[in-house]
C-alpha atoms as a PDB file:
ATOM      1  CA  MET A   1      -0.218  -0.178  -0.361  1.00  0.00           C
ATOM      2  CA  LYS A   2       1.097   3.008  -0.895  1.00  0.00           C
ATOM      3  CA  PHE A   3       0.250   6.902  -0.107  1.00  0.00           C
ATOM      4  CA  SER A   4      -0.826   7.701  -3.971  1.00  0.00           C
ATOM      5  CA  GLN A   5      -2.676  10.987  -3.584  1.00  0.00           C
ATOM      6  CA  SER A   6      -3.545  13.895  -1.388  1.00  0.00           C
ATOM      7  CA  ILE A   7      -7.100  15.095  -0.834  1.00  0.00           C
ATOM      8  CA  THR A   8      -5.789  18.225   1.602  1.00  0.00           C
ATOM      9  CA  HIS A   9      -5.763  22.172   0.251  1.00  0.00           C
ATOM     10  CA  GLY A  10      -2.002  23.230   0.930  1.00  0.00           C
ATOM     11  CA  HIS A  11      -1.239  26.302   2.083  1.00  0.00           C
ATOM     12  CA  GLY A  12       1.904  28.443   2.112  1.00  0.00           C
ATOM     13  CA  GLN A  13       2.845  31.668   4.251  1.00  0.00           C
ATOM     14  CA  GLU A  14       1.503  34.340   2.375  1.00  0.00           C
ATOM     15  CA  THR A  15      -2.234  32.374   2.978  1.00  0.00           C
ATOM     16  CA  LEU A  16      -1.891  32.073   6.612  1.00  0.00           C
ATOM     17  CA  LEU A  17      -4.734  33.732   8.198  1.00  0.00           C
ATOM     18  CA  ILE A  18      -4.819  35.690  11.459  1.00  0.00           C
ATOM     19  CA  VAL A  19      -8.280  35.000  12.911  1.00  0.00           C
ATOM     20  CA  PRO A  20      -8.643  36.601  16.580  1.00  0.00           C
ATOM     21  CA  CYS A  21     -11.707  35.450  18.368  1.00  0.00           C
ATOM     22  CA  ALA A  22     -13.968  38.968  19.150  1.00  0.00           C
ATOM     23  CA  CYS A  23     -15.947  36.701  21.483  1.00  0.00           C
ATOM     24  CA  LYS A  24     -15.839  37.564  25.154  1.00  0.00           C
ATOM     25  CA  LYS A  25     -16.714  34.003  26.625  1.00  0.00           C
ATOM     26  CA  ARG A  26     -13.177  33.012  25.165  1.00  0.00           C
ATOM     27  CA  LYS A  27     -13.414  29.932  27.823  1.00  0.00           C
ATOM     28  CA  THR A  28     -16.238  28.217  26.102  1.00  0.00           C
ATOM     29  CA  CYS A  29     -15.979  29.279  23.039  1.00  0.00           C
ATOM     30  CA  ARG A  30     -16.032  26.984  19.898  1.00  0.00           C
ATOM     31  CA  THR A  31     -14.386  29.180  17.673  1.00  0.00           C
ATOM     32  CA  ALA A  32     -11.669  29.279  20.230  1.00  0.00           C
ATOM     33  CA  LYS A  33     -11.304  25.914  21.010  1.00  0.00           C
ATOM     34  CA  ALA A  34     -10.783  24.989  17.532  1.00  0.00           C
ATOM     35  CA  GLY A  35      -7.641  26.747  17.579  1.00  0.00           C
ATOM     36  CA  VAL A  36      -7.376  30.432  18.329  1.00  0.00           C
ATOM     37  CA  SER A  37      -7.391  30.696  22.134  1.00  0.00           C
ATOM     38  CA  ASN A  38      -4.763  27.487  22.115  1.00  0.00           C
ATOM     39  CA  GLY A  39      -2.145  29.818  20.824  1.00  0.00           C
ATOM     40  CA  SER A  40      -2.834  29.453  17.114  1.00  0.00           C
ATOM     41  CA  SER A  41      -3.272  32.100  14.586  1.00  0.00           C
ATOM     42  CA  TYR A  42      -4.778  29.777  12.376  1.00  0.00           C
ATOM     43  CA  PRO A  43      -7.702  27.663  13.313  1.00  0.00           C
ATOM     44  CA  PRO A  44      -8.624  24.569  11.952  1.00  0.00           C
ATOM     45  CA  ILE A  45     -11.547  25.607  10.204  1.00  0.00           C
ATOM     46  CA  ALA A  46      -9.550  28.289   8.027  1.00  0.00           C
ATOM     47  CA  THR A  47      -8.154  24.839   6.233  1.00  0.00           C
ATOM     48  CA  THR A  48      -8.976  21.503   5.292  1.00  0.00           C
ATOM     49  CA  HIS A  49     -10.240  19.765   8.247  1.00  0.00           C
ATOM     50  CA  LEU A  50     -12.384  17.414  10.347  1.00  0.00           C
ATOM     51  CA  ASP A  51     -15.360  18.265  12.527  1.00  0.00           C
ATOM     52  CA  ALA A  52     -16.007  16.261  15.769  1.00  0.00           C
ATOM     53  CA  PRO A  53     -19.575  15.825  16.932  1.00  0.00           C
ATOM     54  CA  TYR A  54     -19.231  18.875  19.586  1.00  0.00           C
ATOM     55  CA  HIS A  55     -18.791  21.100  16.529  1.00  0.00           C
ATOM     56  CA  PHE A  56     -22.503  20.494  15.626  1.00  0.00           C
ATOM     57  CA  ALA A  57     -24.095  20.722  19.537  1.00  0.00           C
ATOM     58  CA  SER A  58     -23.579  19.535  22.577  1.00  0.00           C
ATOM     59  CA  THR A  59     -25.230  16.641  22.215  1.00  0.00           C
ATOM     60  CA  MET A  60     -24.942  13.524  20.356  1.00  0.00           C
ATOM     61  CA  ASP A  61     -26.987  10.025  19.708  1.00  0.00           C
ATOM     62  CA  GLY A  62     -29.906  11.404  21.192  1.00  0.00           C
ATOM     63  CA  GLY A  63     -28.805  13.161  24.280  1.00  0.00           C
ATOM     64  CA  LYS A  64     -25.109  12.107  25.569  1.00  0.00           C
ATOM     65  CA  ARG A  65     -22.024  14.267  25.683  1.00  0.00           C
ATOM     66  CA  ALA A  66     -20.737  14.995  21.994  1.00  0.00           C
ATOM     67  CA  ILE A  67     -17.065  14.171  21.982  1.00  0.00           C
ATOM     68  CA  THR A  68     -14.698  16.621  21.255  1.00  0.00           C
ATOM     69  CA  ILE A  69     -11.771  16.405  18.565  1.00  0.00           C
ATOM     70  CA  ASP A  70      -9.303  14.837  21.039  1.00  0.00           C
ATOM     71  CA  GLU A  71     -11.826  12.241  21.658  1.00  0.00           C
ATOM     72  CA  VAL A  72     -12.920  10.922  18.364  1.00  0.00           C
ATOM     73  CA  PRO A  73     -11.960   7.079  17.793  1.00  0.00           C
ATOM     74  CA  LEU A  74      -9.011   6.879  15.671  1.00  0.00           C
ATOM     75  CA  GLU A  75     -10.311   3.514  13.438  1.00  0.00           C
ATOM     76  CA  TRP A  76     -12.816   6.553  12.497  1.00  0.00           C
ATOM     77  CA  CYS A  77     -10.340   7.915  10.385  1.00  0.00           C
ATOM     78  CA  PHE A  78      -8.740   5.104   8.667  1.00  0.00           C
ATOM     79  CA  GLN A  79     -11.158   3.231   6.761  1.00  0.00           C
ATOM     80  CA  PRO A  80     -12.152   2.144   3.191  1.00  0.00           C
ATOM     81  CA  GLY A  81     -13.716   5.485   1.343  1.00  0.00           C
ATOM     82  CA  VAL A  82     -16.118   5.816  -1.369  1.00  0.00           C
ATOM     83  CA  LYS A  83     -16.923   9.010  -3.453  1.00  0.00           C
ATOM     84  CA  LEU A  84     -20.157   9.829  -4.637  1.00  0.00           C
ATOM     85  CA  ASP A  85     -20.244  12.261  -7.701  1.00  0.00           C
ATOM     86  CA  PHE A  86     -22.462  15.264  -6.925  1.00  0.00           C
ATOM     87  CA  ARG A  87     -20.976  17.564  -9.458  1.00  0.00           C
ATOM     88  CA  HIS A  88     -23.859  17.740 -11.667  1.00  0.00           C
ATOM     89  CA  PHE A  89     -25.857  19.316  -9.159  1.00  0.00           C
ATOM     90  CA  ALA A  90     -26.728  23.181  -9.308  1.00  0.00           C
ATOM     91  CA  ASP A  91     -25.028  25.447  -6.793  1.00  0.00           C
ATOM     92  CA  GLY A  92     -26.869  25.541  -2.971  1.00  0.00           C
ATOM     93  CA  TYR A  93     -28.736  22.134  -3.881  1.00  0.00           C
ATOM     94  CA  VAL A  94     -29.461  19.786  -0.446  1.00  0.00           C
ATOM     95  CA  ALA A  95     -28.610  16.742  -2.046  1.00  0.00           C
ATOM     96  CA  SER A  96     -31.666  14.110  -0.232  1.00  0.00           C
ATOM     97  CA  ALA A  97     -31.576  10.491   0.817  1.00  0.00           C
ATOM     98  CA  ALA A  98     -32.931   9.635  -2.572  1.00  0.00           C
ATOM     99  CA  ASP A  99     -29.852  11.269  -4.003  1.00  0.00           C
ATOM    100  CA  VAL A 100     -27.429   9.155  -2.171  1.00  0.00           C
ATOM    101  CA  GLU A 101     -29.170   5.819  -2.791  1.00  0.00           C
ATOM    102  CA  ALA A 102     -29.371   6.660  -6.373  1.00  0.00           C
ATOM    103  CA  GLU A 103     -25.526   7.781  -6.745  1.00  0.00           C
ATOM    104  CA  LEU A 104     -24.593   4.369  -5.291  1.00  0.00           C
ATOM    105  CA  LYS A 105     -26.925   2.047  -7.276  1.00  0.00           C
ATOM    106  CA  ARG A 106     -24.800   4.179 -10.021  1.00  0.00           C
ATOM    107  CA  ILE A 107     -21.433   2.770  -8.640  1.00  0.00           C
ATOM    108  CA  GLY A 108     -22.821  -0.417  -7.719  1.00  0.00           C
ATOM    109  CA  HIS A 109     -22.147  -0.093  -4.085  1.00  0.00           C
ATOM    110  CA  THR A 110     -23.552  -1.189  -0.537  1.00  0.00           C
ATOM    111  CA  LEU A 111     -22.624   1.033   2.178  1.00  0.00           C
ATOM    112  CA  SER A 112     -20.796  -0.901   5.197  1.00  0.00           C
ATOM    113  CA  PRO A 113     -20.108   0.647   8.808  1.00  0.00           C
ATOM    114  CA  LEU A 114     -17.505   2.619   9.460  1.00  0.00           C
ATOM    115  CA  GLU A 115     -16.629   3.390   5.490  1.00  0.00           C
ATOM    116  CA  ILE A 116     -15.465   7.204   4.844  1.00  0.00           C
ATOM    117  CA  VAL A 117     -17.855   8.639   2.337  1.00  0.00           C
ATOM    118  CA  LEU A 118     -16.137  11.799   0.074  1.00  0.00           C
ATOM    119  CA  VAL A 119     -18.630  13.938  -1.691  1.00  0.00           C
ATOM    120  CA  ASN A 120     -17.385  15.658  -4.695  1.00  0.00           C
ATOM    121  CA  THR A 121     -19.190  18.752  -6.174  1.00  0.00           C
ATOM    122  CA  SER A 122     -18.768  21.511  -8.274  1.00  0.00           C
ATOM    123  CA  ALA A 123     -16.792  23.470  -5.365  1.00  0.00           C
ATOM    124  CA  GLY A 124     -13.952  21.517  -5.738  1.00  0.00           C
ATOM    125  CA  THR A 125     -12.553  23.175  -9.181  1.00  0.00           C
ATOM    126  CA  ALA A 126     -13.538  26.862  -8.151  1.00  0.00           C
ATOM    127  CA  TYR A 127     -11.093  26.490  -4.933  1.00  0.00           C
ATOM    128  CA  GLY A 128      -9.003  30.093  -4.402  1.00  0.00           C
ATOM    129  CA  GLN A 129     -11.417  31.719  -6.432  1.00  0.00           C
ATOM    130  CA  PRO A 130     -13.813  34.476  -5.614  1.00  0.00           C
ATOM    131  CA  ASP A 131     -17.079  32.444  -5.966  1.00  0.00           C
ATOM    132  CA  TYR A 132     -15.636  29.464  -4.117  1.00  0.00           C
ATOM    133  CA  VAL A 133     -18.084  29.821  -0.674  1.00  0.00           C
ATOM    134  CA  ALA A 134     -21.235  29.612  -2.847  1.00  0.00           C
ATOM    135  CA  LYS A 135     -20.262  27.058  -5.014  1.00  0.00           C
ATOM    136  CA  GLY A 136     -21.300  22.966  -4.919  1.00  0.00           C
ATOM    137  CA  CYS A 137     -24.180  21.286  -3.515  1.00  0.00           C
ATOM    138  CA  GLY A 138     -24.461  20.571   0.445  1.00  0.00           C
ATOM    139  CA  MET A 139     -25.869  17.304   1.886  1.00  0.00           C
ATOM    140  CA  GLY A 140     -29.026  17.595   3.739  1.00  0.00           C
ATOM    141  CA  ARG A 141     -30.379  16.629   7.168  1.00  0.00           C
ATOM    142  CA  GLU A 142     -32.372  13.110   5.297  1.00  0.00           C
ATOM    143  CA  ALA A 143     -28.692  12.887   3.720  1.00  0.00           C
ATOM    144  CA  THR A 144     -26.268  12.464   6.104  1.00  0.00           C
ATOM    145  CA  LEU A 145     -29.162  10.012   8.510  1.00  0.00           C
ATOM    146  CA  TYR A 146     -28.821   8.308   5.135  1.00  0.00           C
ATOM    147  CA  LEU A 147     -24.984   7.402   5.593  1.00  0.00           C
ATOM    148  CA  THR A 148     -25.064   7.356   9.741  1.00  0.00           C
ATOM    149  CA  GLU A 149     -27.759   5.224  10.074  1.00  0.00           C
ATOM    150  CA  ARG A 150     -25.624   2.751   8.246  1.00  0.00           C
ATOM    151  CA  GLY A 151     -22.842   3.044  10.299  1.00  0.00           C
ATOM    152  CA  VAL A 152     -21.259   6.065   8.654  1.00  0.00           C
ATOM    153  CA  ARG A 153     -18.944   8.080  11.263  1.00  0.00           C
ATOM    154  CA  VAL A 154     -17.189  10.236   8.650  1.00  0.00           C
ATOM    155  CA  THR A 155     -18.041  11.777   5.829  1.00  0.00           C
ATOM    156  CA  GLY A 156     -16.142  14.787   3.729  1.00  0.00           C
ATOM    157  CA  THR A 157     -16.566  17.413   1.093  1.00  0.00           C
ATOM    158  CA  ASP A 158     -14.716  19.468  -1.159  1.00  0.00           C
ATOM    159  CA  GLY A 159     -16.829  22.388  -0.365  1.00  0.00           C
ATOM    160  CA  TRP A 160     -16.369  25.166   1.827  1.00  0.00           C
ATOM    161  CA  SER A 161     -19.032  23.443   4.021  1.00  0.00           C
ATOM    162  CA  TRP A 162     -20.599  20.058   4.214  1.00  0.00           C
ATOM    163  CA  ASP A 163     -24.092  21.901   4.040  1.00  0.00           C
ATOM    164  CA  ALA A 164     -25.217  23.975   1.225  1.00  0.00           C
ATOM    165  CA  PRO A 165     -23.471  27.265   0.981  1.00  0.00           C
ATOM    166  CA  PHE A 166     -24.700  29.459   3.550  1.00  0.00           C
ATOM    167  CA  VAL A 167     -25.691  32.490   0.734  1.00  0.00           C
ATOM    168  CA  HIS A 168     -28.019  30.225  -0.873  1.00  0.00           C
ATOM    169  CA  THR A 169     -29.317  29.085   2.139  1.00  0.00           C
ATOM    170  CA  LYS A 170     -29.924  32.594   3.493  1.00  0.00           C
ATOM    171  CA  GLU A 171     -32.253  33.005   0.586  1.00  0.00           C
ATOM    172  CA  LYS A 172     -34.204  30.239   1.306  1.00  0.00           C
ATOM    173  CA  TYR A 173     -34.648  31.384   4.593  1.00  0.00           C
ATOM    174  CA  ALA A 174     -35.534  34.735   3.522  1.00  0.00           C
ATOM    175  CA  ALA A 175     -38.397  33.549   1.594  1.00  0.00           C
ATOM    176  CA  THR A 176     -39.725  30.796   4.097  1.00  0.00           C
ATOM    177  CA  HIS A 177     -38.659  31.464   7.451  1.00  0.00           C
ATOM    178  CA  ASP A 178     -37.878  27.464   8.263  1.00  0.00           C
ATOM    179  CA  PRO A 179     -35.172  27.393  10.724  1.00  0.00           C
ATOM    180  CA  LYS A 180     -34.739  23.690  10.107  1.00  0.00           C
ATOM    181  CA  LEU A 181     -32.963  24.644   7.118  1.00  0.00           C
ATOM    182  CA  ILE A 182     -29.995  26.307   8.696  1.00  0.00           C
ATOM    183  CA  TRP A 183     -26.791  23.809   8.887  1.00  0.00           C
ATOM    184  CA  GLU A 184     -29.621  21.090   8.592  1.00  0.00           C
ATOM    185  CA  GLY A 185     -26.748  18.319   7.688  1.00  0.00           C
ATOM    186  CA  HIS A 186     -24.271  19.911  10.751  1.00  0.00           C
ATOM    187  CA  ARG A 187     -27.169  19.971  12.733  1.00  0.00           C
ATOM    188  CA  ALA A 188     -27.912  15.759  11.838  1.00  0.00           C
ATOM    189  CA  GLY A 189     -25.010  15.085  14.159  1.00  0.00           C
ATOM    190  CA  ARG A 190     -27.286  15.343  16.949  1.00  0.00           C
ATOM    191  CA  GLU A 191     -28.939  12.387  16.024  1.00  0.00           C
ATOM    192  CA  ILE A 192     -26.522  10.389  15.313  1.00  0.00           C
ATOM    193  CA  GLY A 193     -22.620  11.568  16.404  1.00  0.00           C
ATOM    194  CA  TYR A 194     -20.125  11.725  13.404  1.00  0.00           C
ATOM    195  CA  CYS A 195     -17.372  13.599  11.729  1.00  0.00           C
ATOM    196  CA  HIS A 196     -17.179  15.256   8.601  1.00  0.00           C
ATOM    197  CA  ILE A 197     -14.214  16.864   6.857  1.00  0.00           C
ATOM    198  CA  GLU A 198     -14.354  19.693   4.712  1.00  0.00           C
ATOM    199  CA  LYS A 199     -12.403  22.076   2.152  1.00  0.00           C
ATOM    200  CA  LEU A 200     -10.836  18.592   0.929  1.00  0.00           C
ATOM    201  CA  HIS A 201      -9.275  18.995  -3.119  1.00  0.00           C
ATOM    202  CA  ASN A 202      -8.639  17.005  -5.839  1.00  0.00           C
ATOM    203  CA  LEU A 203     -11.622  14.362  -5.201  1.00  0.00           C
ATOM    204  CA  GLU A 204     -11.804  14.622  -9.163  1.00  0.00           C
ATOM    205  CA  ALA A 205      -8.974  12.036  -9.189  1.00  0.00           C
ATOM    206  CA  LEU A 206     -10.632   9.639  -6.966  1.00  0.00           C
ATOM    207  CA  PRO A 207     -12.542   6.430  -8.033  1.00  0.00           C
ATOM    208  CA  ALA A 208     -15.386   5.667  -7.329  1.00  0.00           C
ATOM    209  CA  LYS A 209     -14.642   3.246  -4.127  1.00  0.00           C
ATOM    210  CA  GLY A 210     -11.553   0.966  -4.000  1.00  0.00           C
ATOM    211  CA  PHE A 211      -9.199   2.979  -1.915  1.00  0.00           C
ATOM    212  CA  THR A 212      -8.407   3.413   1.597  1.00  0.00           C
ATOM    213  CA  VAL A 213      -8.809   7.046   3.395  1.00  0.00           C
ATOM    214  CA  SER A 214      -6.548   8.269   6.461  1.00  0.00           C
ATOM    215  CA  CYS A 215      -7.980  11.736   7.924  1.00  0.00           C
ATOM    216  CA  PHE A 216      -5.964  11.648  11.570  1.00  0.00           C
ATOM    217  CA  PRO A 217      -6.683  14.578  13.289  1.00  0.00           C
ATOM    218  CA  VAL A 218      -4.474  16.943  14.932  1.00  0.00           C
ATOM    219  CA  LYS A 219      -5.496  16.334  19.053  1.00  0.00           C
ATOM    220  CA  VAL A 220      -6.620  20.226  19.826  1.00  0.00           C
ATOM    221  CA  GLY A 221      -7.627  19.504  23.346  1.00  0.00           C
ATOM    222  CA  GLY A 222     -11.365  20.039  24.158  1.00  0.00           C
ATOM    223  CA  GLY A 223     -11.593  21.320  20.416  1.00  0.00           C
ATOM    224  CA  SER A 224     -14.317  21.248  17.901  1.00  0.00           C
ATOM    225  CA  ALA A 225     -12.261  20.666  15.229  1.00  0.00           C
ATOM    226  CA  GLY A 226      -8.386  19.686  13.819  1.00  0.00           C
ATOM    227  CA  TRP A 227      -6.292  20.128  11.043  1.00  0.00           C
ATOM    228  CA  THR A 228      -6.279  16.998   8.889  1.00  0.00           C
ATOM    229  CA  ARG A 229      -3.461  16.038   6.462  1.00  0.00           C
ATOM    230  CA  GLN A 230      -5.876  13.797   4.810  1.00  0.00           C
ATOM    231  CA  SER A 231      -4.746  11.411   1.915  1.00  0.00           C
ATOM    232  CA  ARG A 232      -6.139   8.568  -0.384  1.00  0.00           C
ATOM    233  CA  LEU A 233      -4.314   5.529  -0.225  1.00  0.00           C
ATOM    234  CA  SER A 234      -3.919   2.733  -3.049  1.00  0.00           C
ATOM    235  CA  SER A 235      -2.648  -1.020  -2.976  1.00  0.00           C
ATOM    236  CA  ASP A 236      -1.453  -0.335  -6.255  1.00  0.00           C
ATOM    237  CA  LEU A 237       2.229  -0.380  -5.911  1.00  0.00           C
ATOM    238  CA  HIS A 238       3.195   0.430  -9.621  1.00  0.00           C
END
């Protein structure tokens, strides 16, 4: 087995972000715990990162305390991978359980517990462009639960967020005033705890299946997220 494909965005010093936390609750602020208050000027959420269940809510699995990034089981982070090709969906589209089921049928795959599911959207090729944060589809509550109900505990996307770009969600909320539209994929983690990776790269180069994903996070103590150098591993030694 060899490391054959980096699927993490690389950043040079010229792109380093200084993100001070303006919140007065620095000891309990999730943003601070994700990397600002521990002496880092480059919080995990600014680049490719793994979000822990604590990122979504204080509870998971129907009321249990949500685990932080330093408590995520390592076996979740090294598993066979599956790629869902959702590049054809419009920007702001919210993928459903039916969409996931149809794509799995197209690639001829039945999910197994702990497989890592990566979602390739149109945002992947827009990275570095001004419209990146508005590109790609998102994964809705139904789609997320479809995965987690089948034992998936780590997912990922090349979009800015697991959910649909917020600029599109904002427009839908303005029209409906339905609060359930806001971060619905994230909030599905309250029902079944899971992690997701955001801001992946090079997913276009992956096959639909037949590879292994490594996405161990940096152990940010009590944090809601951790940087990850995610790679696709292949058993092809040639």
